[in-house]
Amino acid sequence: MKVEGEIFTIGLPRPFRIAHGVSRTRETVLVRVSDDGFTGWGEGALPPYYPSRADACLDWLRGLEAGSDPFAALPPAPEEAAAARVAVEMARFDLAAGRAGLPLGKFLGMEGRESVAVARTLSIPENIAELGEMMAEGRARGSRLFKLKMGGDVGWDLDCARQAVRLAPDCRFMADVNAGWRIGEAVVALPMLANLGFVLVEQPVGADWEYWRELREYTRSSPPLIADESFQTAGDIKDACALADGVNVKILKAGGISAAKELLVEARESGLQTMIGVMVETGIARSAAAQLSSLADWVDIDPPDAIPTDPLCGFTIEGEHLHLHEGAGLALSAVTAGGRAG
């Protein structure tokens, strides 16, 4: 089995502002594995607030003894190369499912969905005019479920929430704070978001579960609270059940497709709401997340016009509905100049 890797730069159509910082481009590791006429693709994103580094990922890939068995155990990777290991596992699953002639989700034992509604993420705007532009763009493309990034100034966050609801009273809204509020800010903000009709709030406070315990002591009214930065492994299920209403599972954060699937299943069996989320990734990793969407109550996969899917993609989004390509594995096809897979 041949393994090839490269660093790919994703150019964003507008600056992406979240509580962790601002990005105009993002790097990601793309991996291709080939064996006996079959090819599989994988990806491991390199967000600047995660420990993986491009050079370490390429070094780990160069030292990998690929072997011929797509299910052979992968060697461990250091933190700085963890994204490369995620990419290789994804690529091997894509290859194995392609060889079996099955979509990846079915190959993993899941029932597919004909389509699923997805959230469109809006980064923190610099001003109300920019918020209006992002809302108008999304609505023109059929989006009716928006996730507003928050976590800067709480007053500004609430101003944006009120303005978004005023601009689009027929839409539903989520908030994603990315651990950006202090306890006192969250205590004030959450009831206001509940009054505005927000369907959920993601990671309102810091990642340590002690922040959640303190928040729950003072919060009496809030939308459902979804843990993201706090929820990393199966060891967090107990705290999540006690303190959160649901969890956001991401393939990169979980450490691979297998681990992400297990987390989604265990969270559901524990009575938690589930969200399948993504990083700033190409259509490769987003297609892998889409293949897990039957295990999620909420699907947070960015549409191609918001985050480019180049070079390959295995889904389309029409209006607010995500549709998987027909085909085996991730069912990837090349992205055209217009941003669609063809």
C-alpha atoms as a PDB file:
ATOM      1  CA  MET A   1       0.000   0.000   0.000  1.00  0.00           C
ATOM      2  CA  LYS A   2       1.419   3.350  -1.057  1.00  0.00           C
ATOM      3  CA  VAL A   3       0.948   6.382   1.184  1.00  0.00           C
ATOM      4  CA  GLU A   4       1.373   9.950  -0.054  1.00  0.00           C
ATOM      5  CA  GLY A   5       0.844  13.138   1.907  1.00  0.00           C
ATOM      6  CA  GLU A   6       0.839  16.865   1.290  1.00  0.00           C
ATOM      7  CA  ILE A   7      -0.011  20.116   3.039  1.00  0.00           C
ATOM      8  CA  PHE A   8      -2.943  21.895   1.405  1.00  0.00           C
ATOM      9  CA  THR A   9      -3.917  25.524   2.016  1.00  0.00           C
ATOM     10  CA  ILE A  10      -7.598  26.426   2.195  1.00  0.00           C
ATOM     11  CA  GLY A  11      -8.327  30.009   1.154  1.00  0.00           C
ATOM     12  CA  LEU A  12     -11.364  31.436   2.931  1.00  0.00           C
ATOM     13  CA  PRO A  13     -13.779  33.754   1.089  1.00  0.00           C
ATOM     14  CA  ARG A  14     -13.906  36.116   4.073  1.00  0.00           C
ATOM     15  CA  PRO A  15     -11.937  36.332   7.354  1.00  0.00           C
ATOM     16  CA  PHE A  16     -13.109  33.637   9.799  1.00  0.00           C
ATOM     17  CA  ARG A  17     -13.361  35.118  13.290  1.00  0.00           C
ATOM     18  CA  ILE A  18     -13.980  32.972  16.362  1.00  0.00           C
ATOM     19  CA  ALA A  19     -13.062  33.263  20.031  1.00  0.00           C
ATOM     20  CA  HIS A  20      -9.727  31.517  19.283  1.00  0.00           C
ATOM     21  CA  GLY A  21      -8.651  34.124  16.710  1.00  0.00           C
ATOM     22  CA  VAL A  22      -8.982  35.188  13.069  1.00  0.00           C
ATOM     23  CA  SER A  23      -7.995  33.110  10.027  1.00  0.00           C
ATOM     24  CA  ARG A  24      -7.818  34.047   6.351  1.00  0.00           C
ATOM     25  CA  THR A  25      -6.310  30.731   5.335  1.00  0.00           C
ATOM     26  CA  ARG A  26      -6.002  27.354   7.039  1.00  0.00           C
ATOM     27  CA  GLU A  27      -3.637  24.457   6.435  1.00  0.00           C
ATOM     28  CA  THR A  28      -4.637  20.819   6.355  1.00  0.00           C
ATOM     29  CA  VAL A  29      -2.916  17.471   5.735  1.00  0.00           C
ATOM     30  CA  LEU A  30      -4.198  15.500   2.743  1.00  0.00           C
ATOM     31  CA  VAL A  31      -3.291  11.824   2.441  1.00  0.00           C
ATOM     32  CA  ARG A  32      -3.795   9.429  -0.450  1.00  0.00           C
ATOM     33  CA  VAL A  33      -3.347   5.674  -0.075  1.00  0.00           C
ATOM     34  CA  SER A  34      -3.383   3.313  -3.039  1.00  0.00           C
ATOM     35  CA  ASP A  35      -3.320  -0.451  -3.299  1.00  0.00           C
ATOM     36  CA  ASP A  36      -4.141  -2.893  -6.095  1.00  0.00           C
ATOM     37  CA  GLY A  37      -5.921  -0.308  -8.227  1.00  0.00           C
ATOM     38  CA  PHE A  38      -7.941   1.251  -5.394  1.00  0.00           C
ATOM     39  CA  THR A  39      -7.381   4.704  -3.908  1.00  0.00           C
ATOM     40  CA  GLY A  40      -8.513   6.221  -0.642  1.00  0.00           C
ATOM     41  CA  TRP A  41      -8.327   9.813   0.571  1.00  0.00           C
ATOM     42  CA  GLY A  42      -8.033  11.225   4.062  1.00  0.00           C
ATOM     43  CA  GLU A  43      -7.509  14.547   5.804  1.00  0.00           C
ATOM     44  CA  GLY A  44      -6.339  15.923   9.109  1.00  0.00           C
ATOM     45  CA  ALA A  45      -6.928  19.630   9.699  1.00  0.00           C
ATOM     46  CA  LEU A  46      -4.279  21.858  11.307  1.00  0.00           C
ATOM     47  CA  PRO A  47      -6.213  24.498  13.264  1.00  0.00           C
ATOM     48  CA  PRO A  48      -3.783  26.935  14.893  1.00  0.00           C
ATOM     49  CA  TYR A  49      -5.152  26.217  18.379  1.00  0.00           C
ATOM     50  CA  TYR A  50      -4.405  22.455  18.073  1.00  0.00           C
ATOM     51  CA  PRO A  51      -0.906  20.999  18.650  1.00  0.00           C
ATOM     52  CA  SER A  52      -0.404  19.266  15.266  1.00  0.00           C
ATOM     53  CA  ARG A  53       2.136  20.907  12.941  1.00  0.00           C
ATOM     54  CA  ALA A  54       2.600  20.533   9.217  1.00  0.00           C
ATOM     55  CA  ASP A  55       6.292  19.588   9.341  1.00  0.00           C
ATOM     56  CA  ALA A  56       5.771  16.988  12.067  1.00  0.00           C
ATOM     57  CA  CYS A  57       2.855  15.462  10.155  1.00  0.00           C
ATOM     58  CA  LEU A  58       4.931  15.079   6.988  1.00  0.00           C
ATOM     59  CA  ASP A  59       7.827  13.592   8.975  1.00  0.00           C
ATOM     60  CA  TRP A  60       5.494  11.025  10.562  1.00  0.00           C
ATOM     61  CA  LEU A  61       4.027  10.116   7.169  1.00  0.00           C
ATOM     62  CA  ARG A  62       7.504   9.626   5.687  1.00  0.00           C
ATOM     63  CA  GLY A  63       8.357   7.218   8.487  1.00  0.00           C
ATOM     64  CA  LEU A  64       5.138   5.229   8.171  1.00  0.00           C
ATOM     65  CA  GLU A  65       5.426   1.612   7.114  1.00  0.00           C
ATOM     66  CA  ALA A  66       2.159   1.344   5.225  1.00  0.00           C
ATOM     67  CA  GLY A  67       1.934  -2.432   4.801  1.00  0.00           C
ATOM     68  CA  SER A  68      -0.834  -4.019   2.737  1.00  0.00           C
ATOM     69  CA  ASP A  69      -3.632  -4.479   5.272  1.00  0.00           C
ATOM     70  CA  PRO A  70      -5.985  -1.448   5.500  1.00  0.00           C
ATOM     71  CA  PHE A  71      -7.088  -2.652   8.937  1.00  0.00           C
ATOM     72  CA  ALA A  72      -3.636  -3.199  10.398  1.00  0.00           C
ATOM     73  CA  ALA A  73      -3.145  -1.152  13.533  1.00  0.00           C
ATOM     74  CA  LEU A  74      -1.603   2.239  12.885  1.00  0.00           C
ATOM     75  CA  PRO A  75       1.395   3.138  15.019  1.00  0.00           C
ATOM     76  CA  PRO A  76       0.840   5.919  17.558  1.00  0.00           C
ATOM     77  CA  ALA A  77       1.717   9.455  16.577  1.00  0.00           C
ATOM     78  CA  PRO A  78       3.014  12.264  18.781  1.00  0.00           C
ATOM     79  CA  GLU A  79       0.654  15.165  19.456  1.00  0.00           C
ATOM     80  CA  GLU A  80       2.332  17.284  16.830  1.00  0.00           C
ATOM     81  CA  ALA A  81       1.590  14.636  14.156  1.00  0.00           C
ATOM     82  CA  ALA A  82      -1.846  13.485  15.340  1.00  0.00           C
ATOM     83  CA  ALA A  83      -3.615  15.065  12.340  1.00  0.00           C
ATOM     84  CA  ALA A  84      -1.585  12.887   9.960  1.00  0.00           C
ATOM     85  CA  ARG A  85      -2.684   9.737  11.766  1.00  0.00           C
ATOM     86  CA  VAL A  86      -6.331  10.826  11.492  1.00  0.00           C
ATOM     87  CA  ALA A  87      -5.819  11.396   7.764  1.00  0.00           C
ATOM     88  CA  VAL A  88      -4.269   7.973   7.190  1.00  0.00           C
ATOM     89  CA  GLU A  89      -7.053   6.174   9.053  1.00  0.00           C
ATOM     90  CA  MET A  90      -9.660   8.058   7.009  1.00  0.00           C
ATOM     91  CA  ALA A  91      -7.901   7.237   3.751  1.00  0.00           C
ATOM     92  CA  ARG A  92      -7.657   3.556   4.629  1.00  0.00           C
ATOM     93  CA  PHE A  93     -11.364   3.422   5.435  1.00  0.00           C
ATOM     94  CA  ASP A  94     -12.160   5.159   2.143  1.00  0.00           C
ATOM     95  CA  LEU A  95     -10.046   2.595   0.294  1.00  0.00           C
ATOM     96  CA  ALA A  96     -11.523  -0.401   2.146  1.00  0.00           C
ATOM     97  CA  ALA A  97     -15.111   0.772   1.633  1.00  0.00           C
ATOM     98  CA  GLY A  98     -14.370   1.473  -2.023  1.00  0.00           C
ATOM     99  CA  ARG A  99     -12.958  -2.011  -2.430  1.00  0.00           C
ATOM    100  CA  ALA A 100     -16.107  -3.426  -0.803  1.00  0.00           C
ATOM    101  CA  GLY A 101     -18.313  -1.341  -3.109  1.00  0.00           C
ATOM    102  CA  LEU A 102     -20.146   0.304  -0.187  1.00  0.00           C
ATOM    103  CA  PRO A 103     -20.612   3.903   0.981  1.00  0.00           C
ATOM    104  CA  LEU A 104     -18.427   4.488   4.014  1.00  0.00           C
ATOM    105  CA  GLY A 105     -21.391   4.902   6.354  1.00  0.00           C
ATOM    106  CA  LYS A 106     -22.895   1.580   5.287  1.00  0.00           C
ATOM    107  CA  PHE A 107     -19.468  -0.056   5.418  1.00  0.00           C
ATOM    108  CA  LEU A 108     -19.307   1.050   9.072  1.00  0.00           C
ATOM    109  CA  GLY A 109     -22.737  -0.463   9.754  1.00  0.00           C
ATOM    110  CA  MET A 110     -24.864   2.673   9.691  1.00  0.00           C
ATOM    111  CA  GLU A 111     -28.125   3.380   7.951  1.00  0.00           C
ATOM    112  CA  GLY A 112     -27.930   6.274   5.520  1.00  0.00           C
ATOM    113  CA  ARG A 113     -30.155   9.329   5.259  1.00  0.00           C
ATOM    114  CA  GLU A 114     -31.534  10.597   1.990  1.00  0.00           C
ATOM    115  CA  SER A 115     -30.809  14.159   3.122  1.00  0.00           C
ATOM    116  CA  VAL A 116     -30.258  16.064   6.344  1.00  0.00           C
ATOM    117  CA  ALA A 117     -30.572  19.726   7.354  1.00  0.00           C
ATOM    118  CA  VAL A 118     -27.250  21.419   8.066  1.00  0.00           C
ATOM    119  CA  ALA A 119     -26.278  24.564   9.939  1.00  0.00           C
ATOM    120  CA  ARG A 120     -24.490  27.430   8.199  1.00  0.00           C
ATOM    121  CA  THR A 121     -21.785  28.929  10.422  1.00  0.00           C
ATOM    122  CA  LEU A 122     -21.328  32.711  10.508  1.00  0.00           C
ATOM    123  CA  SER A 123     -18.084  34.015  11.963  1.00  0.00           C
ATOM    124  CA  ILE A 124     -18.052  36.906  14.444  1.00  0.00           C
ATOM    125  CA  PRO A 125     -18.803  40.011  12.319  1.00  0.00           C
ATOM    126  CA  GLU A 126     -16.841  43.216  12.525  1.00  0.00           C
ATOM    127  CA  ASN A 127     -20.047  45.239  12.281  1.00  0.00           C
ATOM    128  CA  ILE A 128     -23.794  44.819  11.796  1.00  0.00           C
ATOM    129  CA  ALA A 129     -23.459  45.476   8.072  1.00  0.00           C
ATOM    130  CA  GLU A 130     -21.187  42.443   7.712  1.00  0.00           C
ATOM    131  CA  LEU A 131     -23.639  40.330   9.710  1.00  0.00           C
ATOM    132  CA  GLY A 132     -26.395  41.425   7.351  1.00  0.00           C
ATOM    133  CA  GLU A 133     -24.267  40.507   4.319  1.00  0.00           C
ATOM    134  CA  MET A 134     -23.529  37.016   5.675  1.00  0.00           C
ATOM    135  CA  MET A 135     -27.174  36.468   6.557  1.00  0.00           C
ATOM    136  CA  ALA A 136     -28.326  37.612   3.125  1.00  0.00           C
ATOM    137  CA  GLU A 137     -25.813  35.355   1.369  1.00  0.00           C
ATOM    138  CA  GLY A 138     -26.921  32.355   3.390  1.00  0.00           C
ATOM    139  CA  ARG A 139     -30.625  32.999   2.966  1.00  0.00           C
ATOM    140  CA  ALA A 140     -30.183  33.490  -0.783  1.00  0.00           C
ATOM    141  CA  ARG A 141     -28.688  29.996  -0.905  1.00  0.00           C
ATOM    142  CA  GLY A 142     -31.567  28.500   1.053  1.00  0.00           C
ATOM    143  CA  SER A 143     -30.072  28.290   4.552  1.00  0.00           C
ATOM    144  CA  ARG A 144     -32.598  28.482   7.368  1.00  0.00           C
ATOM    145  CA  LEU A 145     -30.448  27.210  10.244  1.00  0.00           C
ATOM    146  CA  PHE A 146     -27.562  29.481  11.267  1.00  0.00           C
ATOM    147  CA  LYS A 147     -24.826  29.020  13.839  1.00  0.00           C
ATOM    148  CA  LEU A 148     -23.490  32.364  15.074  1.00  0.00           C
ATOM    149  CA  LYS A 149     -19.934  32.360  16.347  1.00  0.00           C
ATOM    150  CA  MET A 150     -19.604  34.270  19.620  1.00  0.00           C
ATOM    151  CA  GLY A 151     -17.138  34.559  22.453  1.00  0.00           C
ATOM    152  CA  GLY A 152     -15.681  38.007  22.016  1.00  0.00           C
ATOM    153  CA  ASP A 153     -17.472  40.854  23.797  1.00  0.00           C
ATOM    154  CA  VAL A 154     -20.682  39.463  25.285  1.00  0.00           C
ATOM    155  CA  GLY A 155     -22.571  42.701  24.671  1.00  0.00           C
ATOM    156  CA  TRP A 156     -21.632  42.576  21.003  1.00  0.00           C
ATOM    157  CA  ASP A 157     -22.555  38.893  20.859  1.00  0.00           C
ATOM    158  CA  LEU A 158     -26.057  39.652  22.147  1.00  0.00           C
ATOM    159  CA  ASP A 159     -26.448  42.626  19.799  1.00  0.00           C
ATOM    160  CA  CYS A 160     -25.650  40.317  16.887  1.00  0.00           C
ATOM    161  CA  ALA A 161     -28.079  37.688  18.160  1.00  0.00           C
ATOM    162  CA  ARG A 162     -30.913  40.203  18.385  1.00  0.00           C
ATOM    163  CA  GLN A 163     -30.117  41.621  14.954  1.00  0.00           C
ATOM    164  CA  ALA A 164     -29.948  38.168  13.344  1.00  0.00           C
ATOM    165  CA  VAL A 165     -33.372  37.210  14.706  1.00  0.00           C
ATOM    166  CA  ARG A 166     -34.791  40.535  13.533  1.00  0.00           C
ATOM    167  CA  LEU A 167     -33.337  40.053  10.050  1.00  0.00           C
ATOM    168  CA  ALA A 168     -34.566  36.473   9.691  1.00  0.00           C
ATOM    169  CA  PRO A 169     -37.553  35.692  11.941  1.00  0.00           C
ATOM    170  CA  ASP A 170     -38.303  32.598   9.845  1.00  0.00           C
ATOM    171  CA  CYS A 171     -34.903  31.028  10.618  1.00  0.00           C
ATOM    172  CA  ARG A 172     -33.499  29.004  13.510  1.00  0.00           C
ATOM    173  CA  PHE A 173     -30.316  29.964  15.332  1.00  0.00           C
ATOM    174  CA  MET A 174     -27.532  28.341  17.308  1.00  0.00           C
ATOM    175  CA  ALA A 175     -24.721  30.065  19.168  1.00  0.00           C
ATOM    176  CA  ASP A 176     -21.150  28.754  19.370  1.00  0.00           C
ATOM    177  CA  VAL A 177     -19.123  30.542  22.000  1.00  0.00           C
ATOM    178  CA  ASN A 178     -15.931  28.434  21.684  1.00  0.00           C
ATOM    179  CA  ALA A 179     -15.328  28.702  25.444  1.00  0.00           C
ATOM    180  CA  GLY A 180     -15.156  32.481  25.165  1.00  0.00           C
ATOM    181  CA  TRP A 181     -17.433  33.657  28.007  1.00  0.00           C
ATOM    182  CA  ARG A 182     -16.705  33.998  31.686  1.00  0.00           C
ATOM    183  CA  ILE A 183     -19.225  32.462  34.076  1.00  0.00           C
ATOM    184  CA  GLY A 184     -20.903  35.780  34.889  1.00  0.00           C
ATOM    185  CA  GLU A 185     -21.240  36.640  31.212  1.00  0.00           C
ATOM    186  CA  ALA A 186     -22.785  33.265  30.412  1.00  0.00           C
ATOM    187  CA  VAL A 187     -25.245  33.575  33.296  1.00  0.00           C
ATOM    188  CA  VAL A 188     -26.514  36.851  31.823  1.00  0.00           C
ATOM    189  CA  ALA A 189     -26.370  35.850  28.157  1.00  0.00           C
ATOM    190  CA  LEU A 190     -27.976  32.411  28.195  1.00  0.00           C
ATOM    191  CA  PRO A 191     -31.457  33.480  29.354  1.00  0.00           C
ATOM    192  CA  MET A 192     -31.421  36.238  26.735  1.00  0.00           C
ATOM    193  CA  LEU A 193     -30.607  33.725  24.002  1.00  0.00           C
ATOM    194  CA  ALA A 194     -33.376  31.492  25.315  1.00  0.00           C
ATOM    195  CA  ASN A 195     -35.830  34.413  25.025  1.00  0.00           C
ATOM    196  CA  LEU A 196     -34.668  34.976  21.447  1.00  0.00           C
ATOM    197  CA  GLY A 197     -35.518  31.359  20.624  1.00  0.00           C
ATOM    198  CA  PHE A 198     -32.003  29.991  20.054  1.00  0.00           C
ATOM    199  CA  VAL A 199     -32.204  26.218  19.652  1.00  0.00           C
ATOM    200  CA  LEU A 200     -28.864  25.514  21.361  1.00  0.00           C
ATOM    201  CA  VAL A 201     -25.661  27.092  22.650  1.00  0.00           C
ATOM    202  CA  GLU A 202     -22.327  25.389  22.130  1.00  0.00           C
ATOM    203  CA  GLN A 203     -19.505  25.561  24.692  1.00  0.00           C
ATOM    204  CA  PRO A 204     -20.534  28.748  26.559  1.00  0.00           C
ATOM    205  CA  VAL A 205     -17.673  28.571  29.094  1.00  0.00           C
ATOM    206  CA  GLY A 206     -14.131  27.219  29.437  1.00  0.00           C
ATOM    207  CA  ALA A 207     -13.186  23.658  28.607  1.00  0.00           C
ATOM    208  CA  ASP A 208     -12.665  22.407  32.161  1.00  0.00           C
ATOM    209  CA  TRP A 209     -15.815  20.743  33.484  1.00  0.00           C
ATOM    210  CA  GLU A 210     -15.485  22.801  36.693  1.00  0.00           C
ATOM    211  CA  TYR A 211     -16.647  25.822  34.677  1.00  0.00           C
ATOM    212  CA  TRP A 212     -19.768  23.893  33.704  1.00  0.00           C
ATOM    213  CA  ARG A 213     -20.442  22.945  37.342  1.00  0.00           C
ATOM    214  CA  GLU A 214     -20.252  26.575  38.405  1.00  0.00           C
ATOM    215  CA  LEU A 215     -22.401  27.660  35.472  1.00  0.00           C
ATOM    216  CA  ARG A 216     -25.114  25.154  36.335  1.00  0.00           C
ATOM    217  CA  GLU A 217     -25.273  26.504  39.888  1.00  0.00           C
ATOM    218  CA  TYR A 218     -26.413  29.887  38.614  1.00  0.00           C
ATOM    219  CA  THR A 219     -28.180  29.186  35.315  1.00  0.00           C
ATOM    220  CA  ARG A 220     -31.929  28.655  35.499  1.00  0.00           C
ATOM    221  CA  SER A 221     -32.972  29.378  31.920  1.00  0.00           C
ATOM    222  CA  SER A 222     -30.998  28.545  28.818  1.00  0.00           C
ATOM    223  CA  PRO A 223     -31.249  26.781  25.487  1.00  0.00           C
ATOM    224  CA  PRO A 224     -29.797  23.242  25.398  1.00  0.00           C
ATOM    225  CA  LEU A 225     -26.048  23.428  26.069  1.00  0.00           C
ATOM    226  CA  ILE A 226     -23.699  21.426  23.840  1.00  0.00           C
ATOM    227  CA  ALA A 227     -20.163  20.561  24.957  1.00  0.00           C
ATOM    228  CA  ASP A 228     -17.393  20.813  22.350  1.00  0.00           C
ATOM    229  CA  GLU A 229     -13.995  21.810  23.727  1.00  0.00           C
ATOM    230  CA  SER A 230     -14.916  20.068  26.995  1.00  0.00           C
ATOM    231  CA  PHE A 231     -15.839  16.809  25.273  1.00  0.00           C
ATOM    232  CA  GLN A 232     -12.759  15.005  23.998  1.00  0.00           C
ATOM    233  CA  THR A 233     -12.966  11.267  24.812  1.00  0.00           C
ATOM    234  CA  ALA A 234     -15.334   8.633  26.183  1.00  0.00           C
ATOM    235  CA  GLY A 235     -13.995   9.543  29.622  1.00  0.00           C
ATOM    236  CA  ASP A 236     -16.001  12.785  29.357  1.00  0.00           C
ATOM    237  CA  ILE A 237     -19.377  11.032  28.918  1.00  0.00           C
ATOM    238  CA  LYS A 238     -20.128  11.007  32.662  1.00  0.00           C
ATOM    239  CA  ASP A 239     -19.506  14.752  33.084  1.00  0.00           C
ATOM    240  CA  ALA A 240     -21.375  15.532  29.882  1.00  0.00           C
ATOM    241  CA  CYS A 241     -24.437  13.604  31.084  1.00  0.00           C
ATOM    242  CA  ALA A 242     -24.403  15.497  34.367  1.00  0.00           C
ATOM    243  CA  LEU A 243     -23.684  18.981  33.073  1.00  0.00           C
ATOM    244  CA  ALA A 244     -24.475  19.289  29.347  1.00  0.00           C
ATOM    245  CA  ASP A 245     -27.461  18.490  27.165  1.00  0.00           C
ATOM    246  CA  GLY A 246     -25.431  17.240  24.237  1.00  0.00           C
ATOM    247  CA  VAL A 247     -21.982  16.892  22.712  1.00  0.00           C
ATOM    248  CA  ASN A 248     -20.242  17.918  19.505  1.00  0.00           C
ATOM    249  CA  VAL A 249     -18.149  15.105  18.021  1.00  0.00           C
ATOM    250  CA  LYS A 250     -15.496  15.866  15.399  1.00  0.00           C
ATOM    251  CA  ILE A 251     -13.346  13.296  13.625  1.00  0.00           C
ATOM    252  CA  LEU A 252     -10.121  15.239  14.192  1.00  0.00           C
ATOM    253  CA  LYS A 253     -10.873  15.905  17.858  1.00  0.00           C
ATOM    254  CA  ALA A 254     -11.850  12.270  18.473  1.00  0.00           C
ATOM    255  CA  GLY A 255      -8.663  10.975  16.858  1.00  0.00           C
ATOM    256  CA  GLY A 256     -10.232   9.309  13.831  1.00  0.00           C
ATOM    257  CA  ILE A 257     -13.387   7.956  12.238  1.00  0.00           C
ATOM    258  CA  SER A 258     -13.601   4.849  14.434  1.00  0.00           C
ATOM    259  CA  ALA A 259     -13.316   6.859  17.630  1.00  0.00           C
ATOM    260  CA  ALA A 260     -15.810   9.470  16.404  1.00  0.00           C
ATOM    261  CA  LYS A 261     -18.379   6.805  15.576  1.00  0.00           C
ATOM    262  CA  GLU A 262     -17.940   5.184  18.997  1.00  0.00           C
ATOM    263  CA  LEU A 263     -18.354   8.531  20.750  1.00  0.00           C
ATOM    264  CA  LEU A 264     -21.563   9.307  18.838  1.00  0.00           C
ATOM    265  CA  VAL A 265     -23.027   5.894  19.650  1.00  0.00           C
ATOM    266  CA  GLU A 266     -22.091   6.042  23.332  1.00  0.00           C
ATOM    267  CA  ALA A 267     -23.348   9.608  23.719  1.00  0.00           C
ATOM    268  CA  ARG A 268     -26.713   8.707  22.178  1.00  0.00           C
ATOM    269  CA  GLU A 269     -27.040   5.614  24.342  1.00  0.00           C
ATOM    270  CA  SER A 270     -26.347   7.843  27.364  1.00  0.00           C
ATOM    271  CA  GLY A 271     -29.264  10.120  26.469  1.00  0.00           C
ATOM    272  CA  LEU A 272     -27.235  13.056  25.131  1.00  0.00           C
ATOM    273  CA  GLN A 273     -28.065  15.025  22.014  1.00  0.00           C
ATOM    274  CA  THR A 274     -25.392  14.539  19.372  1.00  0.00           C
ATOM    275  CA  MET A 275     -23.847  16.902  16.853  1.00  0.00           C
ATOM    276  CA  ILE A 276     -21.390  15.948  14.135  1.00  0.00           C
ATOM    277  CA  GLY A 277     -19.113  18.893  13.513  1.00  0.00           C
ATOM    278  CA  VAL A 278     -16.093  19.766  11.409  1.00  0.00           C
ATOM    279  CA  MET A 279     -13.045  21.994  11.485  1.00  0.00           C
ATOM    280  CA  VAL A 280     -12.080  24.290   8.613  1.00  0.00           C
ATOM    281  CA  GLU A 281     -11.480  21.370   6.249  1.00  0.00           C
ATOM    282  CA  THR A 282     -11.703  20.481   2.582  1.00  0.00           C
ATOM    283  CA  GLY A 283     -14.515  18.392   1.156  1.00  0.00           C
ATOM    284  CA  ILE A 284     -12.594  15.212   2.027  1.00  0.00           C
ATOM    285  CA  ALA A 285     -12.919  15.407   5.815  1.00  0.00           C
ATOM    286  CA  ARG A 286     -16.330  17.057   5.580  1.00  0.00           C
ATOM    287  CA  SER A 287     -17.521  14.151   3.443  1.00  0.00           C
ATOM    288  CA  ALA A 288     -16.272  11.730   6.106  1.00  0.00           C
ATOM    289  CA  ALA A 289     -18.261  13.635   8.739  1.00  0.00           C
ATOM    290  CA  ALA A 290     -21.305  13.574   6.474  1.00  0.00           C
ATOM    291  CA  GLN A 291     -21.048   9.786   6.306  1.00  0.00           C
ATOM    292  CA  LEU A 292     -21.525   9.734  10.119  1.00  0.00           C
ATOM    293  CA  SER A 293     -24.534  12.071  10.050  1.00  0.00           C
ATOM    294  CA  SER A 294     -27.102   9.329  10.670  1.00  0.00           C
ATOM    295  CA  LEU A 295     -25.777   9.165  14.245  1.00  0.00           C
ATOM    296  CA  ALA A 296     -26.292  12.900  14.852  1.00  0.00           C
ATOM    297  CA  ASP A 297     -29.260  15.003  15.909  1.00  0.00           C
ATOM    298  CA  TRP A 298     -27.526  18.128  14.590  1.00  0.00           C
ATOM    299  CA  VAL A 299     -25.231  18.366  11.556  1.00  0.00           C
ATOM    300  CA  ASP A 300     -22.707  21.213  11.414  1.00  0.00           C
ATOM    301  CA  ILE A 301     -20.991  20.802   8.039  1.00  0.00           C
ATOM    302  CA  ASP A 302     -20.109  24.005   6.217  1.00  0.00           C
ATOM    303  CA  PRO A 303     -21.554  24.452   2.707  1.00  0.00           C
ATOM    304  CA  PRO A 304     -19.074  24.764  -0.173  1.00  0.00           C
ATOM    305  CA  ASP A 305     -19.744  28.465  -0.744  1.00  0.00           C
ATOM    306  CA  ALA A 306     -18.795  29.245   2.867  1.00  0.00           C
ATOM    307  CA  ILE A 307     -15.687  27.038   3.090  1.00  0.00           C
ATOM    308  CA  PRO A 308     -14.284  25.796  -0.249  1.00  0.00           C
ATOM    309  CA  THR A 309     -14.363  22.016  -0.715  1.00  0.00           C
ATOM    310  CA  ASP A 310     -11.401  21.846  -3.135  1.00  0.00           C
ATOM    311  CA  PRO A 311      -9.918  19.554  -4.227  1.00  0.00           C
ATOM    312  CA  LEU A 312     -12.479  16.746  -3.683  1.00  0.00           C
ATOM    313  CA  CYS A 313     -15.949  16.432  -2.222  1.00  0.00           C
ATOM    314  CA  GLY A 314     -18.515  13.686  -1.655  1.00  0.00           C
ATOM    315  CA  PHE A 315     -21.651  15.694  -0.908  1.00  0.00           C
ATOM    316  CA  THR A 316     -23.769  18.582  -2.101  1.00  0.00           C
ATOM    317  CA  ILE A 317     -25.857  21.076  -0.137  1.00  0.00           C
ATOM    318  CA  GLU A 318     -29.054  22.276  -1.748  1.00  0.00           C
ATOM    319  CA  GLY A 319     -30.857  24.898   0.265  1.00  0.00           C
ATOM    320  CA  GLU A 320     -30.224  23.727   3.813  1.00  0.00           C
ATOM    321  CA  HIS A 321     -30.152  20.019   2.975  1.00  0.00           C
ATOM    322  CA  LEU A 322     -27.023  17.914   2.639  1.00  0.00           C
ATOM    323  CA  HIS A 323     -27.043  15.060   0.133  1.00  0.00           C
ATOM    324  CA  LEU A 324     -24.341  12.390  -0.022  1.00  0.00           C
ATOM    325  CA  HIS A 325     -22.985  11.450  -3.421  1.00  0.00           C
ATOM    326  CA  GLU A 326     -23.894   7.997  -4.611  1.00  0.00           C
ATOM    327  CA  GLY A 327     -20.898   5.698  -4.722  1.00  0.00           C
ATOM    328  CA  ALA A 328     -18.491   3.682  -2.638  1.00  0.00           C
ATOM    329  CA  GLY A 329     -16.260   4.945   0.140  1.00  0.00           C
ATOM    330  CA  LEU A 330     -16.425   8.720   0.492  1.00  0.00           C
ATOM    331  CA  ALA A 331     -17.729   8.940  -3.112  1.00  0.00           C
ATOM    332  CA  LEU A 332     -15.372  11.830  -3.803  1.00  0.00           C
ATOM    333  CA  SER A 333     -15.233  13.691  -7.079  1.00  0.00           C
ATOM    334  CA  ALA A 334     -13.187  16.650  -8.261  1.00  0.00           C
ATOM    335  CA  VAL A 335     -14.448  20.126  -7.424  1.00  0.00           C
ATOM    336  CA  THR A 336     -15.106  22.328 -10.437  1.00  0.00           C
ATOM    337  CA  ALA A 337     -14.149  25.980 -10.765  1.00  0.00           C
ATOM    338  CA  GLY A 338     -17.636  26.916  -9.600  1.00  0.00           C
ATOM    339  CA  GLY A 339     -17.091  25.118  -6.310  1.00  0.00           C
ATOM    340  CA  ARG A 340     -19.256  22.079  -7.046  1.00  0.00           C
ATOM    341  CA  ALA A 341     -18.133  18.486  -7.160  1.00  0.00           C
ATOM    342  CA  GLY A 342     -18.565  17.043 -10.606  1.00  0.00           C
END
